[in-house]
Amino acid sequence: MSRRFSISALRLVLAMTLMISCEQQTWESAMAAGQRALQKGDYSEAEHIFAAAVKKAESQYGLKDRHVAVALSSEAQAFTAQGKYVEAEPAYLQALKIYQDAHGENHVDVAATLNNLGVLHRMHGQYTEAEPLLMRALAIKERLHGPDHPDVALTLHNLGLVYVSQGVLEKAEPLYRRALAIREKALGETHRDVEKSLGELVSVLQKLHREADAAPLEERLSAIKQRRS
């Protein structure tokens, strides 16, 4: 009797494990399909897929689970790609709250979501809202990763874009220079992110009429582009 019970219990455990695996795969499959749609530029389709993934995550894992936040962030990306900035913001904010409630302020997911919110506000022309969000993201990333991490460079770059959009070029220049130095050291001198930082820095220097400073950087930028062609 005991042996039969043990076998039955084992079968039940295996069945439950399989069921959980299938449910998780359903969410993962939806997320993968949404990412494929994003990569193809089918943003409307991606939006609908990610919306379904949010519902799957809420029903399978609970309203405050990380799976929900991940799906919400992806849905916000699909909204942003379509210029639906008003729809994207609450999705990011809901994801941010889930991450903060689960981990507190000093967590990579919190920093990433703050960065994305800052980028969203910049794209929407809301520069005064974008700046503090990016500053918060930068501070968290520096605490978590140190000052010379590529994720730090990403937010430095995004903050520089805000200042350029505001016409405050003097603030943008040191951010681009720092992002460039981090990326060169961490990623190599011919990486695409290095190319982006160089391009933005050259543009700022030219707008400041500092052609002598811009010229050698422009030559480096041209050399990188030639290697890619």
C-alpha atoms as a PDB file:
ATOM      1  CA  MET A   1       0.000   0.000   0.000  1.00  0.00           C
ATOM      2  CA  SER A   2       2.819   2.335   0.932  1.00  0.00           C
ATOM      3  CA  ARG A   3       4.654   1.487  -2.283  1.00  0.00           C
ATOM      4  CA  ARG A   4       1.544   2.123  -4.365  1.00  0.00           C
ATOM      5  CA  PHE A   5       1.091   5.464  -2.621  1.00  0.00           C
ATOM      6  CA  SER A   6       4.712   6.389  -3.333  1.00  0.00           C
ATOM      7  CA  ILE A   7       4.320   5.532  -7.019  1.00  0.00           C
ATOM      8  CA  SER A   8       1.089   7.529  -7.220  1.00  0.00           C
ATOM      9  CA  ALA A   9       2.701  10.473  -5.466  1.00  0.00           C
ATOM     10  CA  LEU A  10       5.667  10.323  -7.839  1.00  0.00           C
ATOM     11  CA  ARG A  11       3.349  10.301 -10.832  1.00  0.00           C
ATOM     12  CA  LEU A  12       1.472  13.277  -9.397  1.00  0.00           C
ATOM     13  CA  VAL A  13       4.711  15.214  -8.899  1.00  0.00           C
ATOM     14  CA  LEU A  14       5.841  14.402 -12.436  1.00  0.00           C
ATOM     15  CA  ALA A  15       2.467  15.447 -13.841  1.00  0.00           C
ATOM     16  CA  MET A  16       2.540  18.732 -11.921  1.00  0.00           C
ATOM     17  CA  THR A  17       6.115  19.406 -13.040  1.00  0.00           C
ATOM     18  CA  LEU A  18       5.140  18.782 -16.653  1.00  0.00           C
ATOM     19  CA  MET A  19       2.096  21.045 -16.322  1.00  0.00           C
ATOM     20  CA  ILE A  20       4.182  23.870 -14.847  1.00  0.00           C
ATOM     21  CA  SER A  21       6.766  23.416 -17.596  1.00  0.00           C
ATOM     22  CA  CYS A  22       4.083  23.611 -20.290  1.00  0.00           C
ATOM     23  CA  GLU A  23       2.551  26.727 -18.752  1.00  0.00           C
ATOM     24  CA  GLN A  24       5.944  28.394 -18.574  1.00  0.00           C
ATOM     25  CA  GLN A  25       6.702  27.415 -22.144  1.00  0.00           C
ATOM     26  CA  THR A  26       3.401  28.968 -23.216  1.00  0.00           C
ATOM     27  CA  TRP A  27       4.510  32.304 -21.778  1.00  0.00           C
ATOM     28  CA  GLU A  28       8.017  31.919 -23.152  1.00  0.00           C
ATOM     29  CA  SER A  29       6.661  30.997 -26.590  1.00  0.00           C
ATOM     30  CA  ALA A  30       4.481  34.112 -26.606  1.00  0.00           C
ATOM     31  CA  MET A  31       7.437  36.282 -25.603  1.00  0.00           C
ATOM     32  CA  ALA A  32       9.631  34.718 -28.297  1.00  0.00           C
ATOM     33  CA  ALA A  33       6.930  35.298 -30.913  1.00  0.00           C
ATOM     34  CA  GLY A  34       6.598  38.911 -29.804  1.00  0.00           C
ATOM     35  CA  GLN A  35      10.339  39.471 -30.071  1.00  0.00           C
ATOM     36  CA  ARG A  36      10.347  37.991 -33.578  1.00  0.00           C
ATOM     37  CA  ALA A  37       7.553  40.365 -34.571  1.00  0.00           C
ATOM     38  CA  LEU A  38       9.513  43.299 -33.132  1.00  0.00           C
ATOM     39  CA  GLN A  39      12.629  42.323 -35.065  1.00  0.00           C
ATOM     40  CA  LYS A  40      10.624  42.076 -38.289  1.00  0.00           C
ATOM     41  CA  GLY A  41       9.157  45.523 -37.698  1.00  0.00           C
ATOM     42  CA  ASP A  42       5.633  44.176 -37.229  1.00  0.00           C
ATOM     43  CA  TYR A  43       5.037  46.351 -34.204  1.00  0.00           C
ATOM     44  CA  SER A  44       1.250  46.095 -34.115  1.00  0.00           C
ATOM     45  CA  GLU A  45       1.449  42.301 -34.087  1.00  0.00           C
ATOM     46  CA  ALA A  46       4.114  42.457 -31.385  1.00  0.00           C
ATOM     47  CA  GLU A  47       1.862  44.694 -29.301  1.00  0.00           C
ATOM     48  CA  HIS A  48      -0.991  42.165 -29.408  1.00  0.00           C
ATOM     49  CA  ILE A  49       1.303  39.226 -28.662  1.00  0.00           C
ATOM     50  CA  PHE A  50       2.883  40.946 -25.668  1.00  0.00           C
ATOM     51  CA  ALA A  51      -0.549  41.987 -24.365  1.00  0.00           C
ATOM     52  CA  ALA A  52      -1.512  38.308 -24.411  1.00  0.00           C
ATOM     53  CA  ALA A  53       1.770  37.443 -22.677  1.00  0.00           C
ATOM     54  CA  VAL A  54       0.934  39.918 -19.908  1.00  0.00           C
ATOM     55  CA  LYS A  55      -2.397  38.172 -19.324  1.00  0.00           C
ATOM     56  CA  LYS A  56      -0.760  34.734 -19.392  1.00  0.00           C
ATOM     57  CA  ALA A  57       1.804  35.852 -16.832  1.00  0.00           C
ATOM     58  CA  GLU A  58      -0.824  37.397 -14.560  1.00  0.00           C
ATOM     59  CA  SER A  59      -2.934  34.237 -14.573  1.00  0.00           C
ATOM     60  CA  GLN A  60      -0.025  31.799 -14.253  1.00  0.00           C
ATOM     61  CA  TYR A  61       2.322  33.630 -11.886  1.00  0.00           C
ATOM     62  CA  GLY A  62       0.323  36.381 -10.171  1.00  0.00           C
ATOM     63  CA  LEU A  63      -0.043  40.120 -10.694  1.00  0.00           C
ATOM     64  CA  LYS A  64       3.250  41.053  -9.016  1.00  0.00           C
ATOM     65  CA  ASP A  65       5.499  38.433 -10.599  1.00  0.00           C
ATOM     66  CA  ARG A  66       8.600  39.284 -12.637  1.00  0.00           C
ATOM     67  CA  HIS A  67       7.121  37.530 -15.699  1.00  0.00           C
ATOM     68  CA  VAL A  68       4.387  40.188 -15.753  1.00  0.00           C
ATOM     69  CA  ALA A  69       6.950  42.999 -15.578  1.00  0.00           C
ATOM     70  CA  VAL A  70       9.029  41.516 -18.400  1.00  0.00           C
ATOM     71  CA  ALA A  71       5.964  41.208 -20.638  1.00  0.00           C
ATOM     72  CA  LEU A  72       4.836  44.748 -19.752  1.00  0.00           C
ATOM     73  CA  SER A  73       8.262  46.147 -20.642  1.00  0.00           C
ATOM     74  CA  SER A  74       8.179  44.355 -23.989  1.00  0.00           C
ATOM     75  CA  GLU A  75       4.658  45.623 -24.633  1.00  0.00           C
ATOM     76  CA  ALA A  76       5.902  49.146 -23.878  1.00  0.00           C
ATOM     77  CA  GLN A  77       8.687  48.682 -26.441  1.00  0.00           C
ATOM     78  CA  ALA A  78       6.099  47.736 -29.057  1.00  0.00           C
ATOM     79  CA  PHE A  79       4.039  50.813 -28.167  1.00  0.00           C
ATOM     80  CA  THR A  80       7.131  53.028 -28.377  1.00  0.00           C
ATOM     81  CA  ALA A  81       8.103  51.644 -31.785  1.00  0.00           C
ATOM     82  CA  GLN A  82       4.685  52.742 -33.068  1.00  0.00           C
ATOM     83  CA  GLY A  83       4.955  56.195 -31.516  1.00  0.00           C
ATOM     84  CA  LYS A  84       2.313  55.292 -28.915  1.00  0.00           C
ATOM     85  CA  TYR A  85       4.151  57.049 -26.117  1.00  0.00           C
ATOM     86  CA  VAL A  86       1.045  57.662 -24.007  1.00  0.00           C
ATOM     87  CA  GLU A  87       0.258  53.932 -23.992  1.00  0.00           C
ATOM     88  CA  ALA A  88       3.874  52.942 -23.328  1.00  0.00           C
ATOM     89  CA  GLU A  89       4.332  54.994 -20.155  1.00  0.00           C
ATOM     90  CA  PRO A  90       1.803  53.177 -17.892  1.00  0.00           C
ATOM     91  CA  ALA A  91       3.169  49.808 -19.027  1.00  0.00           C
ATOM     92  CA  TYR A  92       6.683  50.836 -18.017  1.00  0.00           C
ATOM     93  CA  LEU A  93       5.430  52.341 -14.750  1.00  0.00           C
ATOM     94  CA  GLN A  94       3.572  49.157 -13.841  1.00  0.00           C
ATOM     95  CA  ALA A  95       6.687  47.095 -14.598  1.00  0.00           C
ATOM     96  CA  LEU A  96       8.778  49.508 -12.528  1.00  0.00           C
ATOM     97  CA  LYS A  97       6.485  49.133  -9.516  1.00  0.00           C
ATOM     98  CA  ILE A  98       6.670  45.340  -9.714  1.00  0.00           C
ATOM     99  CA  TYR A  99      10.469  45.454  -9.798  1.00  0.00           C
ATOM    100  CA  GLN A 100      10.697  48.006  -6.976  1.00  0.00           C
ATOM    101  CA  ASP A 101       8.280  46.079  -4.756  1.00  0.00           C
ATOM    102  CA  ALA A 102      10.252  42.882  -5.338  1.00  0.00           C
ATOM    103  CA  HIS A 103      13.818  44.192  -5.180  1.00  0.00           C
ATOM    104  CA  GLY A 104      13.888  47.749  -3.874  1.00  0.00           C
ATOM    105  CA  GLU A 105      15.526  50.608  -5.752  1.00  0.00           C
ATOM    106  CA  ASN A 106      19.004  49.152  -6.296  1.00  0.00           C
ATOM    107  CA  HIS A 107      18.375  46.443  -8.856  1.00  0.00           C
ATOM    108  CA  VAL A 108      19.318  45.986 -12.499  1.00  0.00           C
ATOM    109  CA  ASP A 109      15.684  45.659 -13.600  1.00  0.00           C
ATOM    110  CA  VAL A 110      14.755  48.896 -11.838  1.00  0.00           C
ATOM    111  CA  ALA A 111      17.671  50.696 -13.497  1.00  0.00           C
ATOM    112  CA  ALA A 112      16.814  49.305 -16.938  1.00  0.00           C
ATOM    113  CA  THR A 113      13.168  50.348 -16.628  1.00  0.00           C
ATOM    114  CA  LEU A 114      14.085  53.843 -15.435  1.00  0.00           C
ATOM    115  CA  ASN A 115      16.437  54.118 -18.419  1.00  0.00           C
ATOM    116  CA  ASN A 116      13.676  53.031 -20.793  1.00  0.00           C
ATOM    117  CA  LEU A 117      11.231  55.507 -19.254  1.00  0.00           C
ATOM    118  CA  GLY A 118      13.792  58.267 -19.694  1.00  0.00           C
ATOM    119  CA  VAL A 119      14.284  57.341 -23.347  1.00  0.00           C
ATOM    120  CA  LEU A 120      10.504  57.268 -23.808  1.00  0.00           C
ATOM    121  CA  HIS A 121      10.102  60.793 -22.420  1.00  0.00           C
ATOM    122  CA  ARG A 122      12.973  62.050 -24.585  1.00  0.00           C
ATOM    123  CA  MET A 123      11.361  60.599 -27.702  1.00  0.00           C
ATOM    124  CA  HIS A 124       8.099  62.270 -26.671  1.00  0.00           C
ATOM    125  CA  GLY A 125       9.906  65.603 -26.332  1.00  0.00           C
ATOM    126  CA  GLN A 126       9.484  65.629 -22.539  1.00  0.00           C
ATOM    127  CA  TYR A 127      13.067  66.457 -21.675  1.00  0.00           C
ATOM    128  CA  THR A 128      12.522  67.740 -18.136  1.00  0.00           C
ATOM    129  CA  GLU A 129      10.831  64.432 -17.267  1.00  0.00           C
ATOM    130  CA  ALA A 130      13.513  62.379 -19.029  1.00  0.00           C
ATOM    131  CA  GLU A 131      16.541  63.862 -17.245  1.00  0.00           C
ATOM    132  CA  PRO A 132      15.776  62.815 -13.626  1.00  0.00           C
ATOM    133  CA  LEU A 133      14.752  59.318 -14.700  1.00  0.00           C
ATOM    134  CA  LEU A 134      18.040  58.828 -16.520  1.00  0.00           C
ATOM    135  CA  MET A 135      19.984  60.324 -13.616  1.00  0.00           C
ATOM    136  CA  ARG A 136      18.353  57.805 -11.258  1.00  0.00           C
ATOM    137  CA  ALA A 137      19.128  54.957 -13.653  1.00  0.00           C
ATOM    138  CA  LEU A 138      22.736  56.123 -13.928  1.00  0.00           C
ATOM    139  CA  ALA A 139      23.204  56.307 -10.153  1.00  0.00           C
ATOM    140  CA  ILE A 140      21.836  52.782  -9.662  1.00  0.00           C
ATOM    141  CA  LYS A 141      23.984  51.346 -12.440  1.00  0.00           C
ATOM    142  CA  GLU A 142      27.119  52.979 -11.044  1.00  0.00           C
ATOM    143  CA  ARG A 143      26.375  51.536  -7.595  1.00  0.00           C
ATOM    144  CA  LEU A 144      25.724  48.060  -8.975  1.00  0.00           C
ATOM    145  CA  HIS A 145      28.351  47.818 -11.709  1.00  0.00           C
ATOM    146  CA  GLY A 146      30.929  50.483 -10.959  1.00  0.00           C
ATOM    147  CA  PRO A 147      31.696  53.517 -13.148  1.00  0.00           C
ATOM    148  CA  ASP A 148      33.149  51.694 -16.171  1.00  0.00           C
ATOM    149  CA  HIS A 149      30.424  49.241 -17.197  1.00  0.00           C
ATOM    150  CA  PRO A 150      28.797  49.252 -20.679  1.00  0.00           C
ATOM    151  CA  ASP A 151      25.356  49.634 -19.050  1.00  0.00           C
ATOM    152  CA  VAL A 152      26.608  52.838 -17.449  1.00  0.00           C
ATOM    153  CA  ALA A 153      27.775  54.017 -20.871  1.00  0.00           C
ATOM    154  CA  LEU A 154      24.321  53.338 -22.325  1.00  0.00           C
ATOM    155  CA  THR A 155      22.601  55.657 -19.859  1.00  0.00           C
ATOM    156  CA  LEU A 156      25.342  58.282 -20.211  1.00  0.00           C
ATOM    157  CA  HIS A 157      24.700  58.200 -23.961  1.00  0.00           C
ATOM    158  CA  ASN A 158      20.936  58.533 -23.484  1.00  0.00           C
ATOM    159  CA  LEU A 159      21.372  61.424 -21.056  1.00  0.00           C
ATOM    160  CA  GLY A 160      23.628  63.114 -23.591  1.00  0.00           C
ATOM    161  CA  LEU A 161      20.862  62.833 -26.175  1.00  0.00           C
ATOM    162  CA  VAL A 162      18.504  64.646 -23.794  1.00  0.00           C
ATOM    163  CA  TYR A 163      20.941  67.548 -23.394  1.00  0.00           C
ATOM    164  CA  VAL A 164      21.499  67.736 -27.147  1.00  0.00           C
ATOM    165  CA  SER A 165      17.738  67.873 -27.681  1.00  0.00           C
ATOM    166  CA  GLN A 166      17.590  70.733 -25.179  1.00  0.00           C
ATOM    167  CA  GLY A 167      20.468  72.501 -26.906  1.00  0.00           C
ATOM    168  CA  VAL A 168      22.698  72.208 -23.820  1.00  0.00           C
ATOM    169  CA  LEU A 169      25.693  70.913 -25.747  1.00  0.00           C
ATOM    170  CA  GLU A 170      28.221  71.721 -23.026  1.00  0.00           C
ATOM    171  CA  LYS A 171      26.520  69.180 -20.757  1.00  0.00           C
ATOM    172  CA  ALA A 172      26.327  66.551 -23.483  1.00  0.00           C
ATOM    173  CA  GLU A 173      30.030  66.589 -24.433  1.00  0.00           C
ATOM    174  CA  PRO A 174      31.510  65.144 -21.202  1.00  0.00           C
ATOM    175  CA  LEU A 175      28.822  62.467 -21.102  1.00  0.00           C
ATOM    176  CA  TYR A 176      29.624  61.355 -24.645  1.00  0.00           C
ATOM    177  CA  ARG A 177      33.356  61.398 -23.915  1.00  0.00           C
ATOM    178  CA  ARG A 178      32.891  59.247 -20.834  1.00  0.00           C
ATOM    179  CA  ALA A 179      30.555  56.836 -22.652  1.00  0.00           C
ATOM    180  CA  LEU A 180      33.088  56.596 -25.489  1.00  0.00           C
ATOM    181  CA  ALA A 181      35.968  55.800 -23.122  1.00  0.00           C
ATOM    182  CA  ILE A 182      33.953  53.096 -21.349  1.00  0.00           C
ATOM    183  CA  ARG A 183      32.849  51.489 -24.596  1.00  0.00           C
ATOM    184  CA  GLU A 184      36.323  51.537 -26.140  1.00  0.00           C
ATOM    185  CA  LYS A 185      37.790  49.811 -23.092  1.00  0.00           C
ATOM    186  CA  ALA A 186      34.992  47.285 -22.611  1.00  0.00           C
ATOM    187  CA  LEU A 187      33.925  46.554 -26.187  1.00  0.00           C
ATOM    188  CA  GLY A 188      36.884  47.375 -28.431  1.00  0.00           C
ATOM    189  CA  GLU A 189      37.577  50.343 -30.672  1.00  0.00           C
ATOM    190  CA  THR A 190      35.524  49.125 -33.646  1.00  0.00           C
ATOM    191  CA  HIS A 191      32.324  48.140 -31.845  1.00  0.00           C
ATOM    192  CA  ARG A 192      29.047  49.626 -33.107  1.00  0.00           C
ATOM    193  CA  ASP A 193      28.409  51.312 -29.771  1.00  0.00           C
ATOM    194  CA  VAL A 194      31.820  52.987 -30.011  1.00  0.00           C
ATOM    195  CA  GLU A 195      30.813  54.188 -33.467  1.00  0.00           C
ATOM    196  CA  LYS A 196      27.593  55.651 -32.040  1.00  0.00           C
ATOM    197  CA  SER A 197      29.421  57.492 -29.267  1.00  0.00           C
ATOM    198  CA  LEU A 198      31.989  58.855 -31.698  1.00  0.00           C
ATOM    199  CA  GLY A 199      29.257  60.016 -34.062  1.00  0.00           C
ATOM    200  CA  GLU A 200      27.375  61.882 -31.347  1.00  0.00           C
ATOM    201  CA  LEU A 201      30.555  63.440 -29.962  1.00  0.00           C
ATOM    202  CA  VAL A 202      31.653  64.623 -33.412  1.00  0.00           C
ATOM    203  CA  SER A 203      28.214  66.130 -33.991  1.00  0.00           C
ATOM    204  CA  VAL A 204      28.322  68.030 -30.687  1.00  0.00           C
ATOM    205  CA  LEU A 205      31.818  69.387 -31.327  1.00  0.00           C
ATOM    206  CA  GLN A 206      30.827  70.546 -34.801  1.00  0.00           C
ATOM    207  CA  LYS A 207      27.751  72.308 -33.431  1.00  0.00           C
ATOM    208  CA  LEU A 208      30.033  74.028 -30.922  1.00  0.00           C
ATOM    209  CA  HIS A 209      32.234  75.128 -33.881  1.00  0.00           C
ATOM    210  CA  ARG A 210      35.213  73.209 -32.512  1.00  0.00           C
ATOM    211  CA  GLU A 211      36.339  71.765 -35.812  1.00  0.00           C
ATOM    212  CA  ALA A 212      39.918  71.208 -34.648  1.00  0.00           C
ATOM    213  CA  ASP A 213      38.663  68.919 -31.881  1.00  0.00           C
ATOM    214  CA  ALA A 214      36.126  67.205 -34.119  1.00  0.00           C
ATOM    215  CA  ALA A 215      38.460  66.472 -37.063  1.00  0.00           C
ATOM    216  CA  PRO A 216      40.576  63.630 -35.570  1.00  0.00           C
ATOM    217  CA  LEU A 217      37.483  61.991 -34.109  1.00  0.00           C
ATOM    218  CA  GLU A 218      35.756  62.243 -37.469  1.00  0.00           C
ATOM    219  CA  GLU A 219      38.728  60.496 -39.085  1.00  0.00           C
ATOM    220  CA  ARG A 220      38.461  57.674 -36.555  1.00  0.00           C
ATOM    221  CA  LEU A 221      34.741  57.411 -37.237  1.00  0.00           C
ATOM    222  CA  SER A 222      35.334  57.179 -40.985  1.00  0.00           C
ATOM    223  CA  ALA A 223      37.963  54.478 -40.457  1.00  0.00           C
ATOM    224  CA  ILE A 224      35.541  52.386 -38.388  1.00  0.00           C
ATOM    225  CA  LYS A 225      32.840  52.715 -41.035  1.00  0.00           C
ATOM    226  CA  GLN A 226      35.275  51.701 -43.791  1.00  0.00           C
ATOM    227  CA  ARG A 227      36.198  48.545 -41.898  1.00  0.00           C
ATOM    228  CA  ARG A 228      32.530  47.597 -41.771  1.00  0.00           C
ATOM    229  CA  SER A 229      31.941  48.146 -45.495  1.00  0.00           C
END
